[in-house]
Amino acid sequence: ASATPGKSCLAALQAPWHRPYEPSHSMSRMFPTYASTNDQAQHHPQGSGPLHELGQLLHGLYRSAQHSGVEAFEQTVLNQLSSCIPFDAAWIGRSTLTPAGPVMHHSTLHALDNTYLNAWDRIRDHDPLVSSVTGELGSVAALSIADPGLSDQFRAFLACYGIAQVLCCATCDPVLQTYLHVSLYRHALKPAFSETQRTLL
């Protein structure tokens, strides 16, 4: 599936929802085994590993934060993060939570079409990650397009943008009372995001 939807795909996101859930074996045919160029077997030689990777990541980010604007810094975050957690696309967003749902103030997209935000806004009430990551700040939530609990609307949205897996976390700025979330996307169902990768995020 393409990460850049056409007009017909966007129109489908506004259509009535009558399609039944497709079982996971059908989804597996749509989203083959993960074959991204980032998908290298992660071997940890002596003296390395998740904590070492985290230390290297933070060291690079501290240096970048001193010399970059917000958007450039967030792109640097994603570039650095991809060396620890292979992903194909990503979204960093800042928002305020309201009774009607999150109101986005700023977004940085990586390898996503610029129609993505408007498309997500149409189906945000069907996005289970919003309540998952804001209900327990600092927690990490993961899902796949094959999960049976997803609504047809949200499943179609993921398919439209070629998203098979999502790994997401959020935190809150106590001064500004705004939420920052990071969502990482893979275009295929396997391999799943590992526990180590969830911990790093």
N, C-alpha and C. Protein backbone atom coordinates (compact mmCIF):
# COMPACT_ATOMS: atom_id res chain seq x y z
N ALA A 1 0.84 -1.18 0.00
CA ALA A 1 0.00 0.00 0.00
C ALA A 1 0.87 1.22 0.00
N SER A 2 0.44 2.26 -0.69
CA SER A 2 1.23 3.47 -0.78
C SER A 2 1.03 4.33 0.44
N ALA A 3 2.09 5.05 0.83
CA ALA A 3 1.98 5.97 1.94
C ALA A 3 1.38 7.29 1.50
N THR A 4 1.18 7.49 0.17
CA THR A 4 0.61 8.71 -0.36
C THR A 4 -0.72 8.41 -0.98
N PRO A 5 -1.83 8.77 -0.33
CA PRO A 5 -3.14 8.40 -0.85
C PRO A 5 -3.54 9.24 -2.04
N GLY A 6 -4.36 8.69 -2.91
CA GLY A 6 -4.94 9.44 -4.01
C GLY A 6 -6.28 9.97 -3.62
N LYS A 7 -6.93 10.69 -4.54
CA LYS A 7 -8.22 11.29 -4.23
C LYS A 7 -9.26 10.23 -3.89
N SER A 8 -9.21 9.08 -4.59
CA SER A 8 -10.20 8.05 -4.32
C SER A 8 -10.07 7.51 -2.91
N CYS A 9 -8.82 7.43 -2.42
CA CYS A 9 -8.59 6.94 -1.07
C CYS A 9 -9.13 7.92 -0.04
N LEU A 10 -8.90 9.20 -0.25
CA LEU A 10 -9.39 10.21 0.67
C LEU A 10 -10.91 10.27 0.64
N ALA A 11 -11.49 10.08 -0.54
CA ALA A 11 -12.95 10.08 -0.63
C ALA A 11 -13.53 8.92 0.15
N ALA A 12 -12.81 7.80 0.14
CA ALA A 12 -13.29 6.61 0.85
C ALA A 12 -13.37 6.85 2.35
N LEU A 13 -12.50 7.74 2.86
CA LEU A 13 -12.50 8.02 4.29
C LEU A 13 -13.75 8.77 4.72
N GLN A 14 -14.44 9.39 3.74
CA GLN A 14 -15.65 10.14 4.06
C GLN A 14 -16.91 9.33 3.77
N ALA A 15 -16.75 8.12 3.25
CA ALA A 15 -17.89 7.32 2.82
C ALA A 15 -18.54 6.59 4.00
N PRO A 16 -19.79 6.11 3.84
CA PRO A 16 -20.40 5.27 4.88
C PRO A 16 -19.59 3.99 5.07
N TRP A 17 -19.72 3.38 6.24
CA TRP A 17 -18.90 2.22 6.57
C TRP A 17 -19.76 0.98 6.65
N HIS A 18 -19.63 0.13 5.63
CA HIS A 18 -20.42 -1.09 5.59
C HIS A 18 -19.55 -2.33 5.39
N ARG A 19 -18.24 -2.12 5.24
CA ARG A 19 -17.38 -3.28 4.99
C ARG A 19 -17.13 -4.06 6.27
N PRO A 20 -17.26 -5.38 6.23
CA PRO A 20 -17.00 -6.18 7.43
C PRO A 20 -15.51 -6.25 7.73
N TYR A 21 -15.20 -6.60 8.97
CA TYR A 21 -13.80 -6.77 9.36
C TYR A 21 -13.16 -7.90 8.59
N GLU A 22 -11.95 -7.65 8.07
CA GLU A 22 -11.21 -8.69 7.37
C GLU A 22 -10.31 -9.40 8.37
N PRO A 23 -10.30 -10.72 8.40
CA PRO A 23 -9.46 -11.44 9.35
C PRO A 23 -8.00 -11.19 9.10
N SER A 24 -7.18 -11.51 10.09
CA SER A 24 -5.76 -11.17 10.04
C SER A 24 -5.04 -11.82 8.88
N HIS A 25 -5.48 -13.01 8.42
CA HIS A 25 -4.77 -13.64 7.31
C HIS A 25 -4.95 -12.84 6.03
N SER A 26 -6.08 -12.13 5.89
CA SER A 26 -6.27 -11.26 4.74
C SER A 26 -5.36 -10.05 4.85
N MET A 27 -5.24 -9.52 6.06
CA MET A 27 -4.36 -8.38 6.27
C MET A 27 -2.92 -8.75 5.98
N SER A 28 -2.53 -9.97 6.30
CA SER A 28 -1.16 -10.40 6.06
C SER A 28 -0.83 -10.38 4.58
N ARG A 29 -1.82 -10.67 3.74
CA ARG A 29 -1.56 -10.60 2.29
C ARG A 29 -1.41 -9.15 1.85
N MET A 30 -2.13 -8.23 2.50
CA MET A 30 -2.04 -6.81 2.15
C MET A 30 -0.72 -6.20 2.63
N PHE A 31 -0.26 -6.62 3.80
CA PHE A 31 0.93 -6.04 4.42
C PHE A 31 1.94 -7.16 4.64
N PRO A 32 2.85 -7.38 3.71
CA PRO A 32 3.79 -8.50 3.82
C PRO A 32 4.81 -8.27 4.92
N THR A 33 5.66 -9.27 5.12
CA THR A 33 6.71 -9.19 6.14
C THR A 33 7.53 -7.93 5.93
N TYR A 34 7.81 -7.25 7.03
CA TYR A 34 8.50 -5.96 7.02
C TYR A 34 9.80 -6.05 6.26
N ALA A 35 9.95 -5.18 5.23
CA ALA A 35 11.13 -5.23 4.39
C ALA A 35 11.75 -3.86 4.20
N SER A 36 11.57 -2.99 5.20
CA SER A 36 12.15 -1.66 5.12
C SER A 36 13.67 -1.74 5.11
N THR A 37 14.30 -0.72 4.48
CA THR A 37 15.76 -0.66 4.51
C THR A 37 16.27 -0.46 5.92
N ASN A 38 15.39 0.00 6.83
CA ASN A 38 15.78 0.16 8.23
C ASN A 38 15.73 -1.16 8.99
N ASP A 39 15.16 -2.18 8.37
CA ASP A 39 14.91 -3.43 9.10
C ASP A 39 16.14 -4.32 9.07
N GLN A 40 17.12 -3.96 9.85
CA GLN A 40 18.33 -4.77 9.96
C GLN A 40 18.27 -5.51 11.28
N ALA A 41 18.74 -6.74 11.30
CA ALA A 41 18.78 -7.50 12.56
C ALA A 41 19.62 -6.74 13.56
N GLN A 42 19.08 -6.55 14.73
CA GLN A 42 19.76 -5.76 15.73
C GLN A 42 20.59 -6.66 16.64
N HIS A 43 21.88 -6.70 16.37
CA HIS A 43 22.81 -7.45 17.20
C HIS A 43 23.54 -6.47 18.10
N HIS A 44 23.72 -6.81 19.35
CA HIS A 44 24.35 -5.91 20.29
C HIS A 44 25.70 -6.46 20.71
N PRO A 45 26.77 -5.96 20.09
CA PRO A 45 28.10 -6.42 20.52
C PRO A 45 28.38 -6.02 21.95
N GLN A 46 29.43 -6.59 22.50
CA GLN A 46 29.78 -6.33 23.89
C GLN A 46 29.93 -4.84 24.12
N GLY A 47 29.34 -4.33 25.21
CA GLY A 47 29.43 -2.91 25.52
C GLY A 47 28.33 -2.09 24.90
N SER A 48 27.41 -2.73 24.15
CA SER A 48 26.30 -2.00 23.56
C SER A 48 25.00 -2.61 24.01
N GLY A 49 23.91 -2.14 23.47
CA GLY A 49 22.60 -2.63 23.86
C GLY A 49 21.65 -1.46 24.01
N PRO A 50 20.42 -1.71 24.50
CA PRO A 50 19.42 -0.65 24.59
C PRO A 50 19.87 0.57 25.38
N LEU A 51 20.52 0.37 26.54
CA LEU A 51 20.94 1.52 27.34
C LEU A 51 22.02 2.31 26.63
N HIS A 52 22.92 1.61 25.96
CA HIS A 52 23.96 2.29 25.19
C HIS A 52 23.32 3.09 24.05
N GLU A 53 22.34 2.48 23.37
CA GLU A 53 21.66 3.18 22.27
C GLU A 53 20.94 4.41 22.79
N LEU A 54 20.28 4.29 23.95
CA LEU A 54 19.58 5.42 24.53
C LEU A 54 20.56 6.54 24.89
N GLY A 55 21.70 6.18 25.45
CA GLY A 55 22.70 7.18 25.79
C GLY A 55 23.20 7.92 24.57
N GLN A 56 23.48 7.17 23.48
CA GLN A 56 23.93 7.79 22.24
C GLN A 56 22.86 8.71 21.67
N LEU A 57 21.61 8.26 21.75
CA LEU A 57 20.49 9.05 21.24
C LEU A 57 20.38 10.37 22.00
N LEU A 58 20.38 10.30 23.33
CA LEU A 58 20.23 11.50 24.14
C LEU A 58 21.40 12.46 23.96
N HIS A 59 22.60 11.91 23.82
CA HIS A 59 23.78 12.76 23.61
C HIS A 59 23.63 13.58 22.34
N GLY A 60 23.19 12.93 21.26
CA GLY A 60 23.00 13.64 20.01
C GLY A 60 21.88 14.67 20.09
N LEU A 61 20.82 14.35 20.82
CA LEU A 61 19.69 15.27 20.93
C LEU A 61 20.03 16.49 21.77
N TYR A 62 20.80 16.32 22.83
CA TYR A 62 21.20 17.45 23.65
C TYR A 62 21.99 18.46 22.82
N ARG A 63 22.86 17.96 21.98
CA ARG A 63 23.65 18.85 21.14
C ARG A 63 22.77 19.57 20.13
N SER A 64 21.84 18.82 19.53
CA SER A 64 20.97 19.40 18.52
C SER A 64 20.03 20.45 19.11
N ALA A 65 19.56 20.24 20.34
CA ALA A 65 18.60 21.15 20.97
C ALA A 65 19.18 22.55 21.16
N GLN A 66 20.49 22.65 21.25
CA GLN A 66 21.13 23.94 21.48
C GLN A 66 21.20 24.79 20.22
N HIS A 67 21.03 24.16 19.07
CA HIS A 67 21.28 24.88 17.82
C HIS A 67 20.12 24.82 16.82
N SER A 68 18.99 24.19 17.18
CA SER A 68 17.93 23.96 16.21
C SER A 68 16.61 24.59 16.64
N GLY A 69 15.78 24.98 15.66
CA GLY A 69 14.41 25.36 15.94
C GLY A 69 13.58 24.12 16.23
N VAL A 70 12.30 24.34 16.60
CA VAL A 70 11.47 23.22 17.04
C VAL A 70 11.30 22.18 15.94
N GLU A 71 10.92 22.61 14.74
CA GLU A 71 10.65 21.63 13.68
C GLU A 71 11.91 20.89 13.27
N ALA A 72 13.03 21.63 13.14
CA ALA A 72 14.29 20.99 12.79
C ALA A 72 14.72 20.01 13.87
N PHE A 73 14.50 20.40 15.13
CA PHE A 73 14.86 19.51 16.23
C PHE A 73 14.02 18.24 16.21
N GLU A 74 12.72 18.37 15.95
CA GLU A 74 11.86 17.19 15.92
C GLU A 74 12.23 16.26 14.77
N GLN A 75 12.64 16.82 13.65
CA GLN A 75 13.12 15.97 12.56
C GLN A 75 14.40 15.25 12.98
N THR A 76 15.25 15.93 13.72
CA THR A 76 16.47 15.30 14.23
C THR A 76 16.12 14.17 15.20
N VAL A 77 15.12 14.41 16.05
CA VAL A 77 14.66 13.36 16.98
C VAL A 77 14.28 12.11 16.20
N LEU A 78 13.50 12.28 15.14
CA LEU A 78 13.05 11.13 14.36
C LEU A 78 14.20 10.45 13.64
N ASN A 79 15.11 11.24 13.11
CA ASN A 79 16.27 10.66 12.42
C ASN A 79 17.13 9.84 13.38
N GLN A 80 17.34 10.39 14.58
CA GLN A 80 18.13 9.68 15.58
C GLN A 80 17.39 8.44 16.08
N LEU A 81 16.09 8.59 16.27
CA LEU A 81 15.29 7.49 16.80
C LEU A 81 15.26 6.31 15.84
N SER A 82 15.30 6.59 14.54
CA SER A 82 15.23 5.52 13.54
C SER A 82 16.43 4.58 13.61
N SER A 83 17.52 5.04 14.21
CA SER A 83 18.69 4.16 14.34
C SER A 83 18.48 3.14 15.45
N CYS A 84 17.54 3.42 16.37
CA CYS A 84 17.25 2.50 17.47
C CYS A 84 15.97 1.71 17.24
N ILE A 85 14.99 2.34 16.61
CA ILE A 85 13.69 1.72 16.36
C ILE A 85 13.36 1.86 14.88
N PRO A 86 13.55 0.84 14.08
CA PRO A 86 13.23 0.95 12.65
C PRO A 86 11.75 1.29 12.42
N PHE A 87 11.49 2.32 11.62
CA PHE A 87 10.12 2.67 11.25
C PHE A 87 10.13 3.29 9.86
N ASP A 88 8.96 3.39 9.26
CA ASP A 88 8.86 3.90 7.89
C ASP A 88 8.29 5.31 7.81
N ALA A 89 7.49 5.71 8.79
CA ALA A 89 6.89 7.03 8.81
C ALA A 89 6.63 7.39 10.27
N ALA A 90 6.38 8.68 10.52
CA ALA A 90 6.20 9.11 11.91
C ALA A 90 5.44 10.42 11.96
N TRP A 91 4.91 10.69 13.17
CA TRP A 91 4.19 11.94 13.43
C TRP A 91 4.48 12.37 14.86
N ILE A 92 5.00 13.59 15.00
CA ILE A 92 5.14 14.22 16.31
C ILE A 92 4.12 15.35 16.36
N GLY A 93 3.29 15.37 17.40
CA GLY A 93 2.25 16.39 17.49
C GLY A 93 2.14 16.99 18.88
N ARG A 94 1.77 18.27 18.92
CA ARG A 94 1.50 18.95 20.19
C ARG A 94 0.03 19.37 20.18
N SER A 95 -0.66 19.11 21.26
CA SER A 95 -2.10 19.36 21.28
C SER A 95 -2.58 19.72 22.68
N THR A 96 -3.82 20.22 22.74
CA THR A 96 -4.53 20.43 23.99
C THR A 96 -5.73 19.50 24.00
N LEU A 97 -5.94 18.80 25.11
CA LEU A 97 -7.09 17.91 25.20
C LEU A 97 -8.32 18.70 25.61
N THR A 98 -9.40 18.53 24.88
CA THR A 98 -10.68 19.17 25.19
C THR A 98 -11.74 18.08 25.28
N PRO A 99 -12.93 18.40 25.82
CA PRO A 99 -14.00 17.39 25.86
C PRO A 99 -14.35 16.86 24.48
N ALA A 100 -14.10 17.66 23.44
CA ALA A 100 -14.40 17.23 22.07
C ALA A 100 -13.25 16.46 21.43
N GLY A 101 -12.15 16.29 22.19
CA GLY A 101 -11.00 15.58 21.64
C GLY A 101 -9.78 16.49 21.56
N PRO A 102 -8.65 15.96 21.09
CA PRO A 102 -7.42 16.76 21.03
C PRO A 102 -7.49 17.85 19.96
N VAL A 103 -6.99 19.05 20.29
CA VAL A 103 -6.88 20.14 19.34
C VAL A 103 -5.40 20.31 19.03
N MET A 104 -5.01 20.04 17.79
CA MET A 104 -3.61 20.07 17.41
C MET A 104 -3.12 21.51 17.25
N HIS A 105 -1.92 21.78 17.78
CA HIS A 105 -1.29 23.09 17.65
C HIS A 105 -0.10 23.05 16.70
N HIS A 106 0.59 21.94 16.68
CA HIS A 106 1.80 21.84 15.87
C HIS A 106 2.05 20.38 15.54
N SER A 107 2.49 20.13 14.31
CA SER A 107 2.79 18.76 13.91
C SER A 107 4.04 18.73 13.04
N THR A 108 4.80 17.68 13.21
CA THR A 108 5.93 17.37 12.33
C THR A 108 5.69 15.99 11.75
N LEU A 109 5.62 15.91 10.43
CA LEU A 109 5.38 14.64 9.74
C LEU A 109 6.67 14.16 9.09
N HIS A 110 6.86 12.86 9.13
CA HIS A 110 8.02 12.23 8.49
C HIS A 110 7.52 11.16 7.54
N ALA A 111 7.79 11.32 6.24
CA ALA A 111 7.40 10.34 5.21
C ALA A 111 5.89 10.11 5.17
N LEU A 112 5.12 11.17 5.42
CA LEU A 112 3.67 11.10 5.32
C LEU A 112 3.17 12.21 4.41
N ASP A 113 2.13 11.91 3.64
CA ASP A 113 1.54 12.90 2.76
C ASP A 113 0.94 14.05 3.57
N ASN A 114 0.91 15.27 2.99
CA ASN A 114 0.41 16.41 3.75
C ASN A 114 -1.11 16.39 3.94
N THR A 115 -1.79 15.40 3.36
CA THR A 115 -3.23 15.23 3.61
C THR A 115 -3.49 14.43 4.89
N TYR A 116 -2.43 13.90 5.48
CA TYR A 116 -2.58 12.99 6.62
C TYR A 116 -3.32 13.63 7.78
N LEU A 117 -2.97 14.85 8.14
CA LEU A 117 -3.55 15.47 9.33
C LEU A 117 -5.05 15.72 9.17
N ASN A 118 -5.47 16.21 8.00
CA ASN A 118 -6.90 16.42 7.77
C ASN A 118 -7.66 15.10 7.78
N ALA A 119 -7.04 14.07 7.21
CA ALA A 119 -7.69 12.75 7.20
C ALA A 119 -7.83 12.20 8.61
N TRP A 120 -6.75 12.36 9.43
CA TRP A 120 -6.83 11.89 10.81
C TRP A 120 -7.90 12.67 11.59
N ASP A 121 -7.99 13.98 11.35
CA ASP A 121 -8.95 14.78 12.09
C ASP A 121 -10.39 14.30 11.86
N ARG A 122 -10.65 13.76 10.65
CA ARG A 122 -11.99 13.25 10.36
C ARG A 122 -12.34 12.01 11.16
N ILE A 123 -11.32 11.22 11.50
CA ILE A 123 -11.60 9.94 12.18
C ILE A 123 -11.02 9.89 13.58
N ARG A 124 -10.65 11.04 14.13
CA ARG A 124 -9.95 11.04 15.43
C ARG A 124 -10.78 10.42 16.54
N ASP A 125 -12.11 10.52 16.46
CA ASP A 125 -12.95 9.91 17.49
C ASP A 125 -12.87 8.39 17.47
N HIS A 126 -12.33 7.82 16.39
CA HIS A 126 -12.20 6.37 16.26
C HIS A 126 -10.78 5.89 16.56
N ASP A 127 -9.89 6.82 16.90
CA ASP A 127 -8.48 6.46 17.15
C ASP A 127 -8.33 6.02 18.60
N PRO A 128 -8.13 4.72 18.85
CA PRO A 128 -8.05 4.24 20.24
C PRO A 128 -6.77 4.67 20.96
N LEU A 129 -5.77 5.13 20.21
CA LEU A 129 -4.51 5.51 20.83
C LEU A 129 -4.64 6.79 21.64
N VAL A 130 -5.60 7.65 21.28
CA VAL A 130 -5.76 8.92 22.00
C VAL A 130 -6.02 8.66 23.48
N SER A 131 -7.00 7.82 23.78
CA SER A 131 -7.31 7.53 25.18
C SER A 131 -6.25 6.66 25.83
N SER A 132 -5.61 5.79 25.05
CA SER A 132 -4.60 4.88 25.61
C SER A 132 -3.40 5.64 26.16
N VAL A 133 -2.87 6.58 25.38
CA VAL A 133 -1.63 7.24 25.78
C VAL A 133 -1.85 8.48 26.63
N THR A 134 -3.04 9.09 26.57
CA THR A 134 -3.30 10.24 27.43
C THR A 134 -3.88 9.81 28.78
N GLY A 135 -4.45 8.61 28.82
CA GLY A 135 -4.99 8.11 30.09
C GLY A 135 -3.90 7.78 31.08
N GLU A 136 -2.74 7.37 30.58
CA GLU A 136 -1.60 7.05 31.45
C GLU A 136 -0.36 7.61 30.78
N LEU A 137 -0.05 8.86 31.10
CA LEU A 137 1.06 9.56 30.44
C LEU A 137 2.38 8.84 30.66
N GLY A 138 3.16 8.78 29.60
CA GLY A 138 4.42 8.08 29.66
C GLY A 138 4.32 6.63 29.26
N SER A 139 3.10 6.12 29.17
CA SER A 139 2.92 4.73 28.72
C SER A 139 3.06 4.67 27.20
N VAL A 140 3.35 3.49 26.71
CA VAL A 140 3.51 3.29 25.27
C VAL A 140 2.44 2.32 24.80
N ALA A 141 1.75 2.68 23.74
CA ALA A 141 0.70 1.83 23.18
C ALA A 141 1.09 1.38 21.79
N ALA A 142 0.72 0.17 21.45
CA ALA A 142 1.00 -0.37 20.11
C ALA A 142 -0.25 -1.03 19.58
N LEU A 143 -0.42 -0.96 18.27
CA LEU A 143 -1.53 -1.67 17.63
C LEU A 143 -1.13 -2.01 16.21
N SER A 144 -1.92 -2.91 15.61
CA SER A 144 -1.72 -3.24 14.20
C SER A 144 -3.07 -3.17 13.50
N ILE A 145 -3.03 -3.02 12.20
CA ILE A 145 -4.25 -2.93 11.40
C ILE A 145 -5.07 -4.21 11.48
N ALA A 146 -4.44 -5.30 11.89
CA ALA A 146 -5.14 -6.59 11.99
C ALA A 146 -5.85 -6.78 13.33
N ASP A 147 -5.68 -5.85 14.27
CA ASP A 147 -6.33 -5.99 15.58
C ASP A 147 -7.85 -6.00 15.42
N PRO A 148 -8.54 -6.95 15.99
CA PRO A 148 -9.99 -7.07 15.78
C PRO A 148 -10.82 -5.97 16.43
N GLY A 149 -10.26 -5.25 17.41
CA GLY A 149 -11.06 -4.24 18.09
C GLY A 149 -11.16 -2.90 17.40
N LEU A 150 -10.47 -2.72 16.27
CA LEU A 150 -10.48 -1.43 15.59
C LEU A 150 -11.80 -1.19 14.86
N SER A 151 -12.20 0.08 14.79
CA SER A 151 -13.39 0.42 14.00
C SER A 151 -13.06 0.34 12.52
N ASP A 152 -14.08 0.17 11.69
CA ASP A 152 -13.87 0.14 10.25
C ASP A 152 -13.27 1.46 9.76
N GLN A 153 -13.70 2.57 10.38
CA GLN A 153 -13.18 3.87 9.97
C GLN A 153 -11.68 3.99 10.21
N PHE A 154 -11.25 3.58 11.40
CA PHE A 154 -9.83 3.71 11.72
C PHE A 154 -9.00 2.72 10.90
N ARG A 155 -9.53 1.52 10.69
CA ARG A 155 -8.81 0.53 9.89
C ARG A 155 -8.63 1.02 8.45
N ALA A 156 -9.68 1.64 7.90
CA ALA A 156 -9.58 2.16 6.54
C ALA A 156 -8.59 3.32 6.46
N PHE A 157 -8.55 4.14 7.50
CA PHE A 157 -7.58 5.23 7.56
C PHE A 157 -6.15 4.69 7.53
N LEU A 158 -5.86 3.69 8.35
CA LEU A 158 -4.53 3.09 8.35
C LEU A 158 -4.17 2.52 6.98
N ALA A 159 -5.11 1.80 6.38
CA ALA A 159 -4.86 1.19 5.07
C ALA A 159 -4.61 2.26 4.01
N CYS A 160 -5.32 3.36 4.12
CA CYS A 160 -5.18 4.45 3.15
C CYS A 160 -3.75 4.98 3.11
N TYR A 161 -3.10 5.01 4.27
CA TYR A 161 -1.74 5.53 4.34
C TYR A 161 -0.69 4.43 4.46
N GLY A 162 -1.09 3.20 4.19
CA GLY A 162 -0.14 2.10 4.17
C GLY A 162 0.43 1.78 5.53
N ILE A 163 -0.32 2.04 6.59
CA ILE A 163 0.18 1.82 7.95
C ILE A 163 -0.32 0.47 8.47
N ALA A 164 0.61 -0.41 8.78
CA ALA A 164 0.25 -1.72 9.31
C ALA A 164 0.43 -1.79 10.81
N GLN A 165 1.40 -1.02 11.35
CA GLN A 165 1.66 -1.03 12.79
C GLN A 165 1.89 0.39 13.29
N VAL A 166 1.49 0.62 14.54
CA VAL A 166 1.71 1.92 15.18
C VAL A 166 2.31 1.69 16.57
N LEU A 167 3.30 2.50 16.90
CA LEU A 167 3.85 2.56 18.26
C LEU A 167 3.76 4.01 18.70
N CYS A 168 3.12 4.28 19.83
CA CYS A 168 2.81 5.66 20.21
C CYS A 168 3.01 5.88 21.70
N CYS A 169 3.48 7.08 22.07
CA CYS A 169 3.53 7.48 23.47
C CYS A 169 3.23 8.97 23.55
N ALA A 170 2.86 9.44 24.75
CA ALA A 170 2.54 10.85 24.95
C ALA A 170 3.00 11.29 26.32
N THR A 171 3.29 12.59 26.42
CA THR A 171 3.63 13.18 27.71
C THR A 171 3.00 14.56 27.79
N CYS A 172 2.95 15.13 28.99
CA CYS A 172 2.27 16.41 29.19
C CYS A 172 3.26 17.46 29.70
N ASP A 173 3.17 18.66 29.14
CA ASP A 173 3.92 19.81 29.64
C ASP A 173 3.10 20.43 30.77
N PRO A 174 3.52 20.31 32.03
CA PRO A 174 2.70 20.77 33.15
C PRO A 174 2.52 22.28 33.18
N VAL A 175 3.44 23.02 32.55
CA VAL A 175 3.35 24.49 32.55
C VAL A 175 2.34 24.95 31.50
N LEU A 176 2.50 24.45 30.27
CA LEU A 176 1.63 24.87 29.18
C LEU A 176 0.35 24.04 29.10
N GLN A 177 0.31 22.93 29.83
CA GLN A 177 -0.83 22.01 29.78
C GLN A 177 -1.11 21.54 28.34
N THR A 178 -0.04 21.25 27.64
CA THR A 178 -0.16 20.70 26.29
C THR A 178 0.44 19.31 26.28
N TYR A 179 -0.04 18.50 25.34
CA TYR A 179 0.42 17.12 25.21
C TYR A 179 1.33 16.99 24.00
N LEU A 180 2.36 16.23 24.18
CA LEU A 180 3.28 15.91 23.08
C LEU A 180 3.18 14.42 22.82
N HIS A 181 2.90 14.03 21.59
CA HIS A 181 2.86 12.59 21.27
C HIS A 181 3.84 12.29 20.14
N VAL A 182 4.35 11.09 20.16
CA VAL A 182 5.21 10.57 19.10
C VAL A 182 4.58 9.27 18.61
N SER A 183 4.28 9.20 17.33
CA SER A 183 3.74 7.97 16.72
C SER A 183 4.68 7.50 15.63
N LEU A 184 5.08 6.23 15.72
CA LEU A 184 5.95 5.62 14.72
C LEU A 184 5.14 4.58 13.95
N TYR A 185 5.33 4.53 12.63
CA TYR A 185 4.53 3.66 11.78
C TYR A 185 5.42 2.72 10.96
N ARG A 186 4.93 1.50 10.81
CA ARG A 186 5.56 0.53 9.90
C ARG A 186 4.57 0.14 8.82
N HIS A 187 5.10 -0.14 7.65
CA HIS A 187 4.25 -0.47 6.50
C HIS A 187 3.89 -1.94 6.41
N ALA A 188 4.41 -2.77 7.29
CA ALA A 188 4.12 -4.21 7.24
C ALA A 188 3.86 -4.74 8.64
N LEU A 189 3.22 -5.91 8.70
CA LEU A 189 2.77 -6.46 9.97
C LEU A 189 3.88 -7.11 10.78
N LYS A 190 4.93 -7.58 10.13
CA LYS A 190 5.99 -8.30 10.84
C LYS A 190 7.35 -7.72 10.47
N PRO A 191 8.29 -7.70 11.43
CA PRO A 191 8.08 -8.08 12.83
C PRO A 191 7.36 -6.99 13.61
N ALA A 192 6.74 -7.38 14.72
CA ALA A 192 6.09 -6.41 15.59
C ALA A 192 7.15 -5.58 16.32
N PHE A 193 6.76 -4.39 16.77
CA PHE A 193 7.66 -3.62 17.62
C PHE A 193 7.97 -4.43 18.88
N SER A 194 9.24 -4.49 19.23
CA SER A 194 9.65 -5.33 20.35
C SER A 194 9.49 -4.59 21.67
N GLU A 195 9.59 -5.34 22.78
CA GLU A 195 9.50 -4.75 24.10
C GLU A 195 10.65 -3.77 24.33
N THR A 196 11.83 -4.10 23.81
CA THR A 196 12.97 -3.19 23.93
C THR A 196 12.69 -1.88 23.23
N GLN A 197 12.11 -1.95 22.05
CA GLN A 197 11.79 -0.74 21.29
C GLN A 197 10.72 0.09 21.98
N ARG A 198 9.75 -0.61 22.59
CA ARG A 198 8.72 0.11 23.35
C ARG A 198 9.37 0.84 24.53
N THR A 199 10.32 0.19 25.20
CA THR A 199 11.00 0.81 26.34
C THR A 199 11.81 2.02 25.91
N LEU A 200 12.49 1.93 24.78
CA LEU A 200 13.28 3.04 24.29
C LEU A 200 12.42 4.25 23.96
N LEU A 201 11.22 4.01 23.40
CA LEU A 201 10.34 5.12 23.06
C LEU A 201 9.82 5.80 24.32
